[in-house]
Amino acid sequence: MKLLPLATALLLSRQSQCFTTSPTHHKRPMTRYQALSSLDNELANWASSSNFGSIDKSVPSGSSGWASFRKVHVTNPPQKDGRDVSFFVKSSSRSCKDMFYGEALGLQAMYACSPEKEGLRIPQVYHYGDYSDGRGSFLIMEYLNLAGRSDDRALGKAVARMHLAPPTKEAGNPNSSFGFEVDNTIGGTSQPNQWTKPNSGTKEWIEFFRDYRIGHQLNLAGDSYCNNLWEQDIAPRLHLLFEDLQGEKEIKPSLLHGDLWSGNIGSADGMPSIFDPAVYWGHHEAEWGMAWCASLGRDFWDGYRSIMPYDEGFELRELLYELYHQLNHYNLFGGGYLSSAKSDLHDLKRSLDSIE
């Protein structure tokens, strides 16, 4: 999971498993002079063509294993809420398709699905693309003055409003399907997002999650025990976990952040904010597959449930959604995450045995 240059607290006990890194090796290394020269040229051309004047100030703001960050000011900035907008720029030696395209579309979808009042504070995306010399790529978004978590009840309500936002063309889902416009990544792991058919419901969601989430992660893990347990004892009976979600309670696509843990939650301008997403359209309950390291307390759930009602069987389905992230952690970092995934698989099997 991607980490912005923002201080994050290590979580205790099981939650401490969530703090991870995922270094990426540059395909085509550049000298610092070359990288800055290319980026400076791109920023100057973008500012001019956008009628934002010229670059007034460009200040390095840290880096990760896969990108460098800058805060940029222009001489003729756009206005938002009566204030000048400054910009947060990510740059990389990799192509935009590899690095920033999925992130940009995900942020745009979250921005479209978050109401200005009582919603999530999502940065507006202004531009993304490859360097004209082919030596890298960049993403330009609104700069947010990020701070730590503040009002968890407000956070719960804001996430619920995003989950309830209807799929639209503006949000990148005109056909009310599960999936996303492009494949993206969750940490360093590929996340396939093949669209399901238009006006999809519970049946299509089960198939999507079975094949493109758990099946995909199991293929990457290559553990025969887990794969056999899933294929023989769980996948054929997966529909039993969703029997309460038919008819009037048919699952409809919700926009998901996709990687919601404590390190990706904060606030900006007094509003709750979530960032570094792995966005796709899915069952809103799938958002809570990382709840084991998101520190979601009573205030959060009171806020969320005041807008998004509880559905019977949530606790059993939560095991399924947690399994995806445990497998992903194993594929990223190895170690004890395989044991956690096996535990989830065994619990799912026992639950299905009790239902039949």
Protein backbone atom coordinates (compact mmCIF):
# COMPACT_ATOMS: atom_id res chain seq x y z
CA MET A 1 0.00 0.00 0.00
CA LYS A 2 1.38 3.40 -0.94
CA LEU A 3 2.43 5.77 1.83
CA LEU A 4 2.40 9.55 1.37
CA PRO A 5 5.15 11.49 3.19
CA LEU A 6 2.93 11.81 6.22
CA ALA A 7 3.72 10.60 9.73
CA THR A 8 1.70 7.49 10.57
CA ALA A 9 1.40 5.73 13.90
CA LEU A 10 2.46 2.13 14.30
CA LEU A 11 -0.50 0.09 15.47
CA LEU A 12 -0.38 -2.30 18.39
CA SER A 13 -0.68 -6.11 18.36
CA ARG A 14 -2.31 -7.40 15.20
CA GLN A 15 -2.67 -3.91 13.79
CA SER A 16 1.12 -3.55 13.65
CA GLN A 17 1.08 -6.01 10.74
CA CYS A 18 -0.40 -3.28 8.56
CA PHE A 19 2.64 -1.01 8.43
CA THR A 20 4.40 -2.14 5.28
CA THR A 21 6.63 -0.88 2.54
CA SER A 22 6.69 -1.82 -1.09
CA PRO A 23 9.84 -0.60 -2.87
CA THR A 24 9.76 -0.34 -6.62
CA HIS A 25 12.86 -0.41 -8.82
CA HIS A 26 13.07 2.22 -11.53
CA LYS A 27 13.07 0.84 -15.03
CA ARG A 28 15.24 3.63 -16.40
CA PRO A 29 17.31 5.44 -13.75
CA MET A 30 17.92 9.16 -14.27
CA THR A 31 20.30 11.58 -12.71
CA ARG A 32 18.80 14.16 -10.37
CA TYR A 33 19.57 16.89 -12.92
CA GLN A 34 17.78 15.07 -15.73
CA ALA A 35 14.71 14.31 -13.60
CA LEU A 36 14.35 17.87 -12.37
CA SER A 37 14.97 19.30 -15.84
CA SER A 38 12.27 17.15 -17.43
CA LEU A 39 9.77 17.80 -14.66
CA ASP A 40 10.44 21.55 -14.60
CA ASN A 41 9.82 21.75 -18.35
CA GLU A 42 6.57 19.79 -18.07
CA LEU A 43 5.32 21.91 -15.17
CA ALA A 44 6.13 25.16 -16.98
CA ASN A 45 4.30 24.03 -20.13
CA TRP A 46 1.30 22.82 -18.10
CA ALA A 47 1.01 26.06 -16.11
CA SER A 48 1.17 28.16 -19.24
CA SER A 49 -1.36 26.09 -21.21
CA SER A 50 -3.75 26.07 -18.23
CA ASN A 51 -3.60 29.87 -17.93
CA PHE A 52 -2.04 29.55 -14.48
CA GLY A 53 0.91 31.77 -15.41
CA SER A 54 4.34 30.41 -14.64
CA ILE A 55 5.90 28.34 -11.86
CA ASP A 56 6.49 30.62 -8.89
CA LYS A 57 7.95 28.05 -6.50
CA SER A 58 8.66 24.31 -6.63
CA VAL A 59 9.70 22.71 -3.34
CA PRO A 60 10.71 19.05 -2.85
CA SER A 61 8.36 17.32 -0.41
CA GLY A 62 9.88 13.89 0.05
CA SER A 63 9.77 10.64 -1.87
CA SER A 64 8.81 6.98 -1.69
CA GLY A 65 10.29 3.89 -3.27
CA TRP A 66 8.40 4.61 -6.47
CA ALA A 67 7.94 8.38 -6.83
CA SER A 68 9.18 11.83 -5.80
CA PHE A 69 6.92 14.58 -4.46
CA ARG A 70 6.89 18.36 -4.83
CA LYS A 71 4.71 21.24 -3.69
CA VAL A 72 4.26 23.72 -6.53
CA HIS A 73 2.96 27.30 -6.58
CA VAL A 74 2.01 29.21 -9.75
CA THR A 75 1.78 32.95 -10.41
CA ASN A 76 -1.90 32.90 -11.45
CA PRO A 77 -3.44 30.13 -9.32
CA PRO A 78 -7.03 28.95 -9.52
CA GLN A 79 -9.27 29.67 -6.56
CA LYS A 80 -11.15 27.25 -4.32
CA ASP A 81 -13.26 28.43 -1.39
CA GLY A 82 -11.72 31.87 -1.72
CA ARG A 83 -8.14 30.59 -1.43
CA ASP A 84 -5.31 30.16 -3.89
CA VAL A 85 -4.77 26.54 -4.92
CA SER A 86 -1.28 25.12 -4.72
CA PHE A 87 -0.37 21.76 -6.21
CA PHE A 88 1.04 18.42 -5.11
CA VAL A 89 3.10 16.82 -7.86
CA LYS A 90 4.19 13.19 -8.03
CA SER A 91 6.85 12.22 -10.55
CA SER A 92 8.51 8.97 -11.55
CA SER A 93 10.91 7.54 -14.10
CA ARG A 94 8.22 4.98 -15.03
CA SER A 95 5.43 5.57 -17.54
CA CYS A 96 2.15 7.21 -16.59
CA LYS A 97 0.30 4.02 -17.50
CA ASP A 98 2.40 2.07 -15.02
CA MET A 99 2.44 4.67 -12.25
CA PHE A 100 -0.24 7.34 -12.22
CA TYR A 101 -3.07 6.61 -14.66
CA GLY A 102 -5.01 4.34 -12.32
CA GLU A 103 -4.41 6.61 -9.34
CA ALA A 104 -5.59 9.67 -11.26
CA LEU A 105 -8.80 7.99 -12.42
CA GLY A 106 -9.40 6.67 -8.92
CA LEU A 107 -9.02 10.10 -7.34
CA GLN A 108 -11.29 11.61 -9.98
CA ALA A 109 -13.97 9.01 -9.22
CA MET A 110 -13.68 9.62 -5.46
CA TYR A 111 -13.85 13.37 -6.04
CA ALA A 112 -17.02 12.96 -8.11
CA CYS A 113 -18.62 10.72 -5.45
CA SER A 114 -17.82 12.95 -2.46
CA PRO A 115 -20.23 15.86 -1.84
CA GLU A 116 -18.59 19.21 -1.12
CA LYS A 117 -20.40 19.51 2.18
CA GLU A 118 -20.20 16.69 4.73
CA GLY A 119 -18.20 14.56 2.31
CA LEU A 120 -14.60 13.43 2.08
CA ARG A 121 -11.90 15.98 1.27
CA ILE A 122 -10.44 14.50 -1.91
CA PRO A 123 -7.78 16.37 -3.91
CA GLN A 124 -8.84 17.53 -7.35
CA VAL A 125 -6.72 16.10 -10.17
CA TYR A 126 -5.49 18.74 -12.60
CA HIS A 127 -3.20 16.86 -14.99
CA TYR A 128 -1.30 13.63 -15.55
CA GLY A 129 0.83 12.25 -18.35
CA ASP A 130 4.24 11.21 -19.64
CA TYR A 131 7.20 13.52 -20.05
CA SER A 132 7.51 14.72 -23.62
CA ASP A 133 11.04 13.28 -23.75
CA GLY A 134 9.77 9.85 -22.67
CA ARG A 135 11.94 9.76 -19.55
CA GLY A 136 9.17 9.58 -16.95
CA SER A 137 5.72 10.73 -15.93
CA PHE A 138 3.92 12.97 -13.47
CA LEU A 139 0.60 13.60 -11.73
CA ILE A 140 -0.61 17.04 -10.62
CA MET A 141 -3.31 17.34 -7.98
CA GLU A 142 -4.57 19.87 -5.50
CA TYR A 143 -2.30 20.22 -2.47
CA LEU A 144 -4.03 19.37 0.80
CA ASN A 145 -2.75 20.41 4.21
CA LEU A 146 -3.04 16.91 5.62
CA ALA A 147 -3.33 16.34 9.34
CA GLY A 148 -4.13 13.39 11.55
CA ARG A 149 -7.57 11.88 12.05
CA SER A 150 -10.02 14.14 13.80
CA ASP A 151 -13.77 13.41 13.97
CA ASP A 152 -14.33 9.69 13.40
CA ARG A 153 -18.10 10.05 13.37
CA ALA A 154 -17.82 12.57 10.53
CA LEU A 155 -15.42 10.18 8.79
CA GLY A 156 -17.95 7.36 9.03
CA LYS A 157 -20.72 9.51 7.56
CA ALA A 158 -18.49 10.78 4.76
CA VAL A 159 -17.38 7.27 3.72
CA ALA A 160 -21.03 6.13 3.78
CA ARG A 161 -21.99 8.99 1.46
CA MET A 162 -19.27 7.97 -0.99
CA HIS A 163 -20.49 4.36 -0.86
CA LEU A 164 -24.04 5.49 -1.59
CA ALA A 165 -23.08 7.73 -4.52
CA PRO A 166 -24.68 6.36 -7.70
CA PRO A 167 -22.48 5.03 -10.50
CA THR A 168 -22.39 7.68 -13.23
CA LYS A 169 -20.44 8.57 -16.35
CA GLU A 170 -18.77 11.41 -14.42
CA ALA A 171 -17.59 8.90 -11.82
CA GLY A 172 -16.36 6.52 -14.53
CA ASN A 173 -19.12 3.90 -14.26
CA PRO A 174 -21.98 4.69 -16.68
CA ASN A 175 -23.22 1.08 -16.85
CA SER A 176 -23.56 0.31 -13.12
CA SER A 177 -21.00 -2.49 -13.21
CA PHE A 178 -18.46 -3.92 -10.79
CA GLY A 179 -14.80 -3.31 -11.57
CA PHE A 180 -13.03 -0.18 -12.79
CA GLU A 181 -11.91 1.65 -15.92
CA VAL A 182 -8.37 0.29 -15.67
CA ASP A 183 -6.47 -2.37 -13.79
CA ASN A 184 -4.57 -0.82 -10.90
CA THR A 185 -2.46 -1.91 -7.95
CA ILE A 186 -2.88 -2.51 -4.25
CA GLY A 187 0.57 -1.89 -2.89
CA GLY A 188 2.87 -3.51 -5.42
CA THR A 189 0.31 -6.19 -6.34
CA SER A 190 -1.65 -6.00 -9.57
CA GLN A 191 -5.40 -5.60 -9.11
CA PRO A 192 -7.45 -6.68 -12.16
CA ASN A 193 -10.69 -4.75 -12.60
CA GLN A 194 -12.46 -6.31 -15.58
CA TRP A 195 -15.96 -4.78 -15.81
CA THR A 196 -18.92 -7.04 -15.15
CA LYS A 197 -22.03 -6.76 -17.31
CA PRO A 198 -24.22 -3.61 -17.15
CA ASN A 199 -26.65 -3.30 -14.23
CA SER A 200 -24.83 -5.97 -12.26
CA GLY A 201 -26.13 -7.37 -8.98
CA THR A 202 -25.30 -9.95 -6.33
CA LYS A 203 -24.56 -12.81 -8.73
CA GLU A 204 -22.08 -10.77 -10.74
CA TRP A 205 -20.42 -9.44 -7.59
CA ILE A 206 -19.84 -12.97 -6.24
CA GLU A 207 -18.24 -13.98 -9.53
CA PHE A 208 -16.10 -10.83 -9.67
CA PHE A 209 -14.77 -11.22 -6.14
CA ARG A 210 -14.25 -14.95 -6.57
CA ASP A 211 -12.22 -14.61 -9.77
CA TYR A 212 -10.56 -11.17 -9.71
CA ARG A 213 -9.89 -10.83 -6.01
CA ILE A 214 -9.42 -14.14 -4.15
CA GLY A 215 -8.65 -16.27 -7.22
CA HIS A 216 -6.11 -13.74 -8.45
CA GLN A 217 -4.34 -13.51 -5.08
CA LEU A 218 -4.28 -17.30 -4.68
CA ASN A 219 -2.70 -17.67 -8.11
CA LEU A 220 0.02 -15.23 -7.08
CA ALA A 221 0.54 -16.95 -3.73
CA GLY A 222 1.01 -20.38 -5.30
CA ASP A 223 0.09 -22.25 -2.10
CA SER A 224 -1.58 -25.55 -3.03
CA TYR A 225 -3.18 -26.06 0.41
CA CYS A 226 -4.94 -22.69 0.34
CA ASN A 227 -5.89 -23.09 -3.30
CA ASN A 228 -7.44 -26.52 -2.76
CA LEU A 229 -9.34 -25.39 0.32
CA TRP A 230 -10.75 -22.46 -1.63
CA GLU A 231 -11.56 -24.33 -4.83
CA GLN A 232 -13.05 -27.44 -3.21
CA ASP A 233 -14.74 -26.24 -0.02
CA ILE A 234 -15.46 -22.52 -0.28
CA ALA A 235 -15.79 -21.13 -3.81
CA PRO A 236 -18.59 -23.55 -4.87
CA ARG A 237 -20.65 -22.48 -1.84
CA LEU A 238 -19.79 -18.79 -1.82
CA HIS A 239 -23.36 -17.83 -2.73
CA LEU A 240 -24.52 -19.03 0.71
CA LEU A 241 -22.85 -15.98 2.30
CA PHE A 242 -25.02 -13.69 0.17
CA GLU A 243 -28.47 -15.28 0.48
CA ASP A 244 -29.76 -12.28 2.46
CA LEU A 245 -28.66 -9.90 -0.32
CA GLN A 246 -31.19 -10.69 -3.01
CA GLY A 247 -34.27 -8.91 -4.32
CA GLU A 248 -34.72 -5.56 -2.60
CA LYS A 249 -31.30 -5.95 -0.97
CA GLU A 250 -29.50 -6.84 -4.18
CA ILE A 251 -25.88 -5.68 -4.10
CA LYS A 252 -25.30 -2.57 -6.20
CA PRO A 253 -21.92 -1.09 -7.11
CA SER A 254 -20.39 1.29 -4.57
CA LEU A 255 -17.18 3.21 -5.13
CA LEU A 256 -14.52 1.82 -2.79
CA HIS A 257 -11.26 3.33 -1.64
CA GLY A 258 -10.01 -0.24 -1.69
CA ASP A 259 -7.10 -0.01 0.77
CA LEU A 260 -8.56 1.75 3.80
CA TRP A 261 -6.22 1.40 6.78
CA SER A 262 -4.99 3.87 9.39
CA GLY A 263 -2.06 5.04 7.27
CA ASN A 264 -4.45 6.20 4.53
CA ILE A 265 -6.82 8.15 6.79
CA GLY A 266 -6.41 11.76 7.88
CA SER A 267 -8.08 15.15 7.67
CA ALA A 268 -7.70 18.32 5.63
CA ASP A 269 -9.28 21.73 6.15
CA GLY A 270 -11.33 20.33 9.01
CA MET A 271 -12.82 17.56 6.88
CA PRO A 272 -12.08 13.82 6.88
CA SER A 273 -9.77 12.72 4.09
CA ILE A 274 -8.67 9.35 2.73
CA PHE A 275 -5.84 8.94 0.24
CA ASP A 276 -3.57 6.51 -1.63
CA PRO A 277 -6.50 4.42 -2.86
CA ALA A 278 -6.82 1.19 -4.82
CA VAL A 279 -10.17 2.24 -6.24
CA TYR A 280 -12.83 0.03 -7.80
CA TRP A 281 -16.61 -0.39 -7.78
CA GLY A 282 -17.77 -3.21 -5.51
CA HIS A 283 -19.90 -4.27 -2.56
CA HIS A 284 -19.65 -1.57 0.09
CA GLU A 285 -18.87 -4.18 2.76
CA ALA A 286 -15.65 -5.09 0.93
CA GLU A 287 -14.25 -1.76 2.14
CA TRP A 288 -13.85 -3.29 5.59
CA GLY A 289 -11.44 -6.04 4.62
CA MET A 290 -8.70 -3.92 6.18
CA ALA A 291 -10.71 -3.01 9.30
CA TRP A 292 -8.29 -5.11 11.38
CA CYS A 293 -5.74 -2.32 11.07
CA ALA A 294 -7.87 0.76 10.51
CA SER A 295 -8.75 1.54 14.17
CA LEU A 296 -12.43 2.00 13.42
CA GLY A 297 -14.09 2.58 16.78
CA ARG A 298 -17.63 3.12 17.99
CA ASP A 299 -17.80 6.74 16.83
CA PHE A 300 -16.89 5.74 13.29
CA TRP A 301 -19.45 2.94 13.11
CA ASP A 302 -22.17 5.08 14.70
CA GLY A 303 -21.58 7.64 11.96
CA TYR A 304 -21.40 5.08 9.16
CA ARG A 305 -24.48 3.11 10.27
CA SER A 306 -26.53 6.29 10.67
CA ILE A 307 -26.44 6.46 6.85
CA MET A 308 -25.57 2.95 5.63
CA PRO A 309 -27.67 0.27 7.37
CA TYR A 310 -26.31 -3.04 8.64
CA ASP A 311 -27.08 -6.15 6.56
CA GLU A 312 -27.47 -9.59 8.08
CA GLY A 313 -24.46 -11.84 7.58
CA PHE A 314 -21.95 -9.00 7.53
CA GLU A 315 -19.60 -10.69 10.01
CA LEU A 316 -19.29 -13.79 7.82
CA ARG A 317 -18.73 -11.81 4.65
CA GLU A 318 -16.17 -9.66 6.46
CA LEU A 319 -14.02 -12.80 6.80
CA LEU A 320 -14.13 -13.20 3.03
CA TYR A 321 -13.15 -9.58 2.45
CA GLU A 322 -10.35 -9.77 5.02
CA LEU A 323 -8.98 -12.85 3.25
CA TYR A 324 -8.24 -10.76 0.17
CA HIS A 325 -6.00 -8.40 2.11
CA GLN A 326 -4.30 -11.15 4.13
CA LEU A 327 -3.39 -12.89 0.87
CA ASN A 328 -2.19 -9.62 -0.61
CA HIS A 329 0.00 -8.99 2.43
CA TYR A 330 1.48 -12.45 2.02
CA ASN A 331 2.16 -11.82 -1.67
CA LEU A 332 3.85 -8.54 -0.78
CA PHE A 333 5.74 -9.42 2.37
CA GLY A 334 5.53 -13.17 3.04
CA GLY A 335 5.90 -14.33 6.62
CA GLY A 336 2.97 -14.94 8.95
CA TYR A 337 0.35 -13.53 6.63
CA LEU A 338 -0.06 -16.96 5.06
CA SER A 339 -1.10 -18.36 8.45
CA SER A 340 -3.63 -15.52 8.82
CA ALA A 341 -5.02 -16.29 5.36
CA LYS A 342 -5.31 -20.00 6.23
CA SER A 343 -7.14 -19.07 9.43
CA ASP A 344 -9.64 -17.01 7.45
CA LEU A 345 -10.13 -19.88 5.00
CA HIS A 346 -10.78 -22.35 7.81
CA ASP A 347 -13.24 -19.97 9.48
CA LEU A 348 -15.05 -19.49 6.18
CA LYS A 349 -15.29 -23.25 5.66
CA ARG A 350 -16.69 -23.75 9.17
CA SER A 351 -19.22 -20.99 8.63
CA LEU A 352 -20.38 -22.48 5.33
CA ASP A 353 -20.61 -25.94 6.93
CA SER A 354 -22.89 -24.50 9.61
CA ILE A 355 -25.14 -22.79 7.05
CA GLU A 356 -25.79 -25.91 5.01
